[in-house]
Amino acid sequence: MKDLTSAERRALRARAHCLDPVVIIGNSGLTPGVIAEVERSLKAHELIKIRVGGMEHAERESVIEAICGQTGAAPVQHIGKVLMVYRELPKEETATVKR
């Protein structure tokens, strides 16, 4: 998990402002299927929003830590029930995605 500087987080928050959540965590919590979907979404988008329902603030904090720990992503922001995480694409994948 990469530590982001405050300037990097600010830029990522601005970039994520118009994004919709691509992963939704329901009452079952953080399951292997959810982690797999987060992994797929990070490979496709780098920066994603995750909506978490039915959990208290402390539980959501532990969820974002678990997601980042298991996927190698960096936490960007946690506002209410929306989490934002970022994982940079490897250089060779970036070149093929942008073309």
C-alpha atoms as a PDB file:
ATOM      1  CA  MET A   1       0.000   0.000   0.000  1.00  0.00           C
ATOM      2  CA  LYS A   2       1.453   3.313  -1.107  1.00  0.00           C
ATOM      3  CA  ASP A   3       1.226   6.344   1.157  1.00  0.00           C
ATOM      4  CA  LEU A   4      -0.177   9.338  -0.683  1.00  0.00           C
ATOM      5  CA  THR A   5       0.894  12.894  -0.015  1.00  0.00           C
ATOM      6  CA  SER A   6      -1.776  15.456   0.804  1.00  0.00           C
ATOM      7  CA  ALA A   7      -1.351  17.024  -2.651  1.00  0.00           C
ATOM      8  CA  GLU A   8      -1.847  13.634  -4.327  1.00  0.00           C
ATOM      9  CA  ARG A   9      -4.945  12.947  -2.220  1.00  0.00           C
ATOM     10  CA  ARG A  10      -6.351  16.381  -3.058  1.00  0.00           C
ATOM     11  CA  ALA A  11      -5.852  15.779  -6.799  1.00  0.00           C
ATOM     12  CA  LEU A  12      -7.427  12.324  -6.553  1.00  0.00           C
ATOM     13  CA  ARG A  13     -10.419  13.673  -4.611  1.00  0.00           C
ATOM     14  CA  ALA A  14     -10.964  16.250  -7.356  1.00  0.00           C
ATOM     15  CA  ARG A  15     -10.717  13.522  -9.993  1.00  0.00           C
ATOM     16  CA  ALA A  16     -13.150  11.281  -8.104  1.00  0.00           C
ATOM     17  CA  HIS A  17     -15.761  13.982  -7.550  1.00  0.00           C
ATOM     18  CA  CYS A  18     -17.784  13.065 -10.646  1.00  0.00           C
ATOM     19  CA  LEU A  19     -17.385   9.287 -10.249  1.00  0.00           C
ATOM     20  CA  ASP A  20     -20.198   6.991  -9.173  1.00  0.00           C
ATOM     21  CA  PRO A  21     -19.583   4.056  -6.801  1.00  0.00           C
ATOM     22  CA  VAL A  22     -18.602   0.952  -8.781  1.00  0.00           C
ATOM     23  CA  VAL A  23     -18.628  -1.456  -5.825  1.00  0.00           C
ATOM     24  CA  ILE A  24     -21.360  -1.683  -3.202  1.00  0.00           C
ATOM     25  CA  ILE A  25     -20.818  -3.513   0.078  1.00  0.00           C
ATOM     26  CA  GLY A  26     -24.094  -4.723   1.574  1.00  0.00           C
ATOM     27  CA  ASN A  27     -25.141  -6.399   4.795  1.00  0.00           C
ATOM     28  CA  SER A  28     -22.869  -9.404   4.196  1.00  0.00           C
ATOM     29  CA  GLY A  29     -19.853  -7.158   4.673  1.00  0.00           C
ATOM     30  CA  LEU A  30     -16.450  -7.633   3.123  1.00  0.00           C
ATOM     31  CA  THR A  31     -16.633 -10.996   1.366  1.00  0.00           C
ATOM     32  CA  PRO A  32     -14.098 -12.590  -1.007  1.00  0.00           C
ATOM     33  CA  GLY A  33     -16.445 -11.693  -3.864  1.00  0.00           C
ATOM     34  CA  VAL A  34     -16.363  -8.026  -2.887  1.00  0.00           C
ATOM     35  CA  ILE A  35     -12.558  -8.073  -2.726  1.00  0.00           C
ATOM     36  CA  ALA A  36     -12.461  -9.701  -6.179  1.00  0.00           C
ATOM     37  CA  GLU A  37     -14.771  -6.996  -7.577  1.00  0.00           C
ATOM     38  CA  VAL A  38     -12.641  -4.240  -6.010  1.00  0.00           C
ATOM     39  CA  GLU A  39      -9.565  -5.853  -7.590  1.00  0.00           C
ATOM     40  CA  ARG A  40     -11.232  -5.944 -11.040  1.00  0.00           C
ATOM     41  CA  SER A  41     -12.398  -2.348 -10.706  1.00  0.00           C
ATOM     42  CA  LEU A  42      -8.948  -1.112  -9.665  1.00  0.00           C
ATOM     43  CA  LYS A  43      -7.390  -2.862 -12.672  1.00  0.00           C
ATOM     44  CA  ALA A  44      -9.875  -1.101 -14.942  1.00  0.00           C
ATOM     45  CA  HIS A  45     -10.056   2.362 -13.365  1.00  0.00           C
ATOM     46  CA  GLU A  46      -7.191   3.011 -10.861  1.00  0.00           C
ATOM     47  CA  LEU A  47      -9.444   5.255  -8.747  1.00  0.00           C
ATOM     48  CA  ILE A  48     -12.778   3.910  -7.507  1.00  0.00           C
ATOM     49  CA  LYS A  49     -15.591   4.769  -5.145  1.00  0.00           C
ATOM     50  CA  ILE A  50     -17.098   2.111  -2.893  1.00  0.00           C
ATOM     51  CA  ARG A  51     -20.469   2.525  -1.175  1.00  0.00           C
ATOM     52  CA  VAL A  52     -20.808   0.804   2.204  1.00  0.00           C
ATOM     53  CA  GLY A  53     -24.222   0.266   3.747  1.00  0.00           C
ATOM     54  CA  GLY A  54     -25.348  -0.873   7.167  1.00  0.00           C
ATOM     55  CA  MET A  55     -22.122  -0.192   9.068  1.00  0.00           C
ATOM     56  CA  GLU A  56     -20.985   2.255  11.705  1.00  0.00           C
ATOM     57  CA  HIS A  57     -18.087   4.654  11.149  1.00  0.00           C
ATOM     58  CA  ALA A  58     -15.501   2.462  12.936  1.00  0.00           C
ATOM     59  CA  GLU A  59     -16.558  -0.572  10.897  1.00  0.00           C
ATOM     60  CA  ARG A  60     -16.199   1.401   7.662  1.00  0.00           C
ATOM     61  CA  GLU A  61     -12.697   2.457   8.740  1.00  0.00           C
ATOM     62  CA  SER A  62     -11.730  -1.178   9.255  1.00  0.00           C
ATOM     63  CA  VAL A  63     -13.270  -2.067   5.866  1.00  0.00           C
ATOM     64  CA  ILE A  64     -11.193   0.519   3.996  1.00  0.00           C
ATOM     65  CA  GLU A  65      -8.044  -0.666   5.812  1.00  0.00           C
ATOM     66  CA  ALA A  66      -8.826  -4.298   4.938  1.00  0.00           C
ATOM     67  CA  ILE A  67      -9.517  -3.448   1.287  1.00  0.00           C
ATOM     68  CA  CYS A  68      -6.289  -1.491   0.974  1.00  0.00           C
ATOM     69  CA  GLY A  69      -4.301  -4.175   2.755  1.00  0.00           C
ATOM     70  CA  GLN A  70      -5.619  -6.973   0.542  1.00  0.00           C
ATOM     71  CA  THR A  71      -5.432  -5.136  -2.785  1.00  0.00           C
ATOM     72  CA  GLY A  72      -2.361  -2.936  -2.334  1.00  0.00           C
ATOM     73  CA  ALA A  73      -4.435   0.205  -2.869  1.00  0.00           C
ATOM     74  CA  ALA A  74      -4.109   3.478  -0.992  1.00  0.00           C
ATOM     75  CA  PRO A  75      -7.021   5.070   0.847  1.00  0.00           C
ATOM     76  CA  VAL A  76      -7.946   8.456  -0.606  1.00  0.00           C
ATOM     77  CA  GLN A  77     -10.998   9.508   1.372  1.00  0.00           C
ATOM     78  CA  HIS A  78     -13.812   8.258   3.594  1.00  0.00           C
ATOM     79  CA  ILE A  79     -16.871  10.488   3.655  1.00  0.00           C
ATOM     80  CA  GLY A  80     -20.042   9.088   5.136  1.00  0.00           C
ATOM     81  CA  LYS A  81     -20.765   5.766   3.492  1.00  0.00           C
ATOM     82  CA  VAL A  82     -18.503   6.358   0.495  1.00  0.00           C
ATOM     83  CA  LEU A  83     -14.892   5.179   0.392  1.00  0.00           C
ATOM     84  CA  MET A  84     -12.368   6.129  -2.285  1.00  0.00           C
ATOM     85  CA  VAL A  85      -9.296   4.033  -3.002  1.00  0.00           C
ATOM     86  CA  TYR A  86      -6.520   4.360  -5.563  1.00  0.00           C
ATOM     87  CA  ARG A  87      -3.981   1.967  -7.009  1.00  0.00           C
ATOM     88  CA  GLU A  88      -1.773   3.081  -9.862  1.00  0.00           C
ATOM     89  CA  LEU A  89      -1.763   0.875 -12.934  1.00  0.00           C
ATOM     90  CA  PRO A  90       1.606  -0.591 -13.896  1.00  0.00           C
ATOM     91  CA  LYS A  91       3.297   1.343 -16.730  1.00  0.00           C
ATOM     92  CA  GLU A  92       2.876  -1.434 -19.343  1.00  0.00           C
ATOM     93  CA  GLU A  93      -0.875  -1.674 -18.630  1.00  0.00           C
ATOM     94  CA  THR A  94      -1.278   2.110 -18.756  1.00  0.00           C
ATOM     95  CA  ALA A  95       0.188   2.232 -22.265  1.00  0.00           C
ATOM     96  CA  THR A  96      -2.253  -0.385 -23.571  1.00  0.00           C
ATOM     97  CA  VAL A  97      -5.299   1.080 -21.812  1.00  0.00           C
ATOM     98  CA  LYS A  98      -4.869   4.636 -23.143  1.00  0.00           C
ATOM     99  CA  ARG A  99      -4.604   3.594 -26.798  1.00  0.00           C
END
